[in-house]
């Protein structure tokens, strides 16, 4: 663990501090549920697309469904 700290530069520490400040903002916290849902669904679609038995029709439907869900979530979030 000590070696990690020895390798840090002033820029690295500054970047880490800026990242921490950004994470603790209200906007970041409000968007967490949106990103959680989006990334979870994207991961599921990506895994299905990698399946050797996946056909083009199902792939299209999965991607289209993901697109629709993103738009719904975006619109709902903007209204809230």
C-alpha atoms as a PDB file:
ATOM      1  CA  UNK A   1       0.000   0.000   0.000  1.00  0.00           C
ATOM      2  CA  UNK A   2       2.837   2.366   0.778  1.00  0.00           C
ATOM      3  CA  UNK A   3       4.261   1.903  -2.732  1.00  0.00           C
ATOM      4  CA  UNK A   4       1.014   3.181  -4.195  1.00  0.00           C
ATOM      5  CA  UNK A   5       1.348   6.458  -2.348  1.00  0.00           C
ATOM      6  CA  UNK A   6       4.995   6.855  -3.358  1.00  0.00           C
ATOM      7  CA  UNK A   7       4.048   6.607  -7.037  1.00  0.00           C
ATOM      8  CA  UNK A   8       1.394   9.326  -6.849  1.00  0.00           C
ATOM      9  CA  UNK A   9       2.162  12.644  -8.430  1.00  0.00           C
ATOM     10  CA  UNK A  10       0.750  15.999  -7.475  1.00  0.00           C
ATOM     11  CA  UNK A  11      -1.437  15.823 -10.606  1.00  0.00           C
ATOM     12  CA  UNK A  12      -2.791  12.413  -9.597  1.00  0.00           C
ATOM     13  CA  UNK A  13      -3.711  13.632  -6.125  1.00  0.00           C
ATOM     14  CA  UNK A  14      -5.310  16.756  -7.602  1.00  0.00           C
ATOM     15  CA  UNK A  15      -7.308  14.701 -10.100  1.00  0.00           C
ATOM     16  CA  UNK A  16      -8.474  12.373  -7.331  1.00  0.00           C
ATOM     17  CA  UNK A  17      -9.582  15.331  -5.214  1.00  0.00           C
ATOM     18  CA  UNK A  18     -11.496  16.840  -8.155  1.00  0.00           C
ATOM     19  CA  UNK A  19     -13.161  13.498  -8.853  1.00  0.00           C
ATOM     20  CA  UNK A  20     -14.205  13.164  -5.222  1.00  0.00           C
ATOM     21  CA  UNK A  21     -15.710  16.651  -5.236  1.00  0.00           C
ATOM     22  CA  UNK A  22     -17.638  15.851  -8.434  1.00  0.00           C
ATOM     23  CA  UNK A  23     -18.963  12.582  -7.019  1.00  0.00           C
ATOM     24  CA  UNK A  24     -20.270  14.341  -3.939  1.00  0.00           C
ATOM     25  CA  UNK A  25     -22.342  16.839  -5.931  1.00  0.00           C
ATOM     26  CA  UNK A  26     -26.111  16.756  -5.991  1.00  0.00           C
ATOM     27  CA  UNK A  27     -26.264  16.222  -9.783  1.00  0.00           C
ATOM     28  CA  UNK A  28     -24.106  13.122  -9.616  1.00  0.00           C
ATOM     29  CA  UNK A  29     -26.180  11.628  -6.821  1.00  0.00           C
ATOM     30  CA  UNK A  30     -29.460  12.373  -8.594  1.00  0.00           C
ATOM     31  CA  UNK A  31     -28.256  10.686 -11.791  1.00  0.00           C
ATOM     32  CA  UNK A  32     -27.009   7.503 -10.088  1.00  0.00           C
ATOM     33  CA  UNK A  33     -30.302   5.590 -10.486  1.00  0.00           C
ATOM     34  CA  UNK A  34     -30.479   6.598 -14.161  1.00  0.00           C
ATOM     35  CA  UNK A  35     -26.941   5.381 -14.867  1.00  0.00           C
ATOM     36  CA  UNK A  36     -27.442   2.221 -12.816  1.00  0.00           C
ATOM     37  CA  UNK A  37     -30.494   1.240 -14.886  1.00  0.00           C
ATOM     38  CA  UNK A  38     -28.882   2.242 -18.167  1.00  0.00           C
ATOM     39  CA  UNK A  39     -25.644   0.337 -17.566  1.00  0.00           C
ATOM     40  CA  UNK A  40     -27.459  -2.745 -16.241  1.00  0.00           C
ATOM     41  CA  UNK A  41     -29.666  -2.950 -19.334  1.00  0.00           C
ATOM     42  CA  UNK A  42     -26.761  -2.223 -21.676  1.00  0.00           C
ATOM     43  CA  UNK A  43     -24.765  -5.032 -20.070  1.00  0.00           C
ATOM     44  CA  UNK A  44     -27.650  -7.488 -20.537  1.00  0.00           C
ATOM     45  CA  UNK A  45     -28.034  -6.570 -24.222  1.00  0.00           C
ATOM     46  CA  UNK A  46     -24.298  -6.781 -24.796  1.00  0.00           C
ATOM     47  CA  UNK A  47     -24.150 -10.272 -23.272  1.00  0.00           C
ATOM     48  CA  UNK A  48     -27.076 -11.441 -25.413  1.00  0.00           C
ATOM     49  CA  UNK A  49     -25.459 -10.036 -28.555  1.00  0.00           C
ATOM     50  CA  UNK A  50     -22.353 -12.104 -27.865  1.00  0.00           C
ATOM     51  CA  UNK A  51     -24.355 -15.352 -27.765  1.00  0.00           C
ATOM     52  CA  UNK A  52     -23.532 -17.504 -30.807  1.00  0.00           C
ATOM     53  CA  UNK A  53     -27.192 -18.510 -31.182  1.00  0.00           C
ATOM     54  CA  UNK A  54     -28.419 -14.893 -31.371  1.00  0.00           C
ATOM     55  CA  UNK A  55     -30.153 -14.055 -34.630  1.00  0.00           C
ATOM     56  CA  UNK A  56     -30.390 -10.646 -36.280  1.00  0.00           C
ATOM     57  CA  UNK A  57     -34.082 -10.197 -35.540  1.00  0.00           C
ATOM     58  CA  UNK A  58     -33.651 -10.762 -31.800  1.00  0.00           C
ATOM     59  CA  UNK A  59     -30.551  -8.584 -31.770  1.00  0.00           C
ATOM     60  CA  UNK A  60     -32.481  -5.773 -33.455  1.00  0.00           C
ATOM     61  CA  UNK A  61     -35.341  -6.114 -30.969  1.00  0.00           C
ATOM     62  CA  UNK A  62     -32.954  -6.042 -27.996  1.00  0.00           C
ATOM     63  CA  UNK A  63     -31.167  -2.938 -29.231  1.00  0.00           C
ATOM     64  CA  UNK A  64     -34.446  -1.224 -30.110  1.00  0.00           C
ATOM     65  CA  UNK A  65     -35.840  -2.038 -26.664  1.00  0.00           C
ATOM     66  CA  UNK A  66     -32.726  -0.603 -25.047  1.00  0.00           C
ATOM     67  CA  UNK A  67     -33.042   2.545 -27.138  1.00  0.00           C
ATOM     68  CA  UNK A  68     -36.689   2.991 -26.152  1.00  0.00           C
ATOM     69  CA  UNK A  69     -35.907   2.484 -22.458  1.00  0.00           C
ATOM     70  CA  UNK A  70     -33.108   5.059 -22.610  1.00  0.00           C
ATOM     71  CA  UNK A  71     -35.429   7.594 -24.205  1.00  0.00           C
ATOM     72  CA  UNK A  72     -38.171   6.907 -21.648  1.00  0.00           C
ATOM     73  CA  UNK A  73     -35.758   7.250 -18.747  1.00  0.00           C
ATOM     74  CA  UNK A  74     -34.245  10.411 -20.215  1.00  0.00           C
ATOM     75  CA  UNK A  75     -37.637  12.028 -20.727  1.00  0.00           C
ATOM     76  CA  UNK A  76     -38.855  11.064 -17.258  1.00  0.00           C
ATOM     77  CA  UNK A  77     -35.671  12.341 -15.676  1.00  0.00           C
ATOM     78  CA  UNK A  78     -35.901  15.656 -17.520  1.00  0.00           C
ATOM     79  CA  UNK A  79     -39.491  16.124 -16.376  1.00  0.00           C
ATOM     80  CA  UNK A  80     -38.632  15.368 -12.767  1.00  0.00           C
END
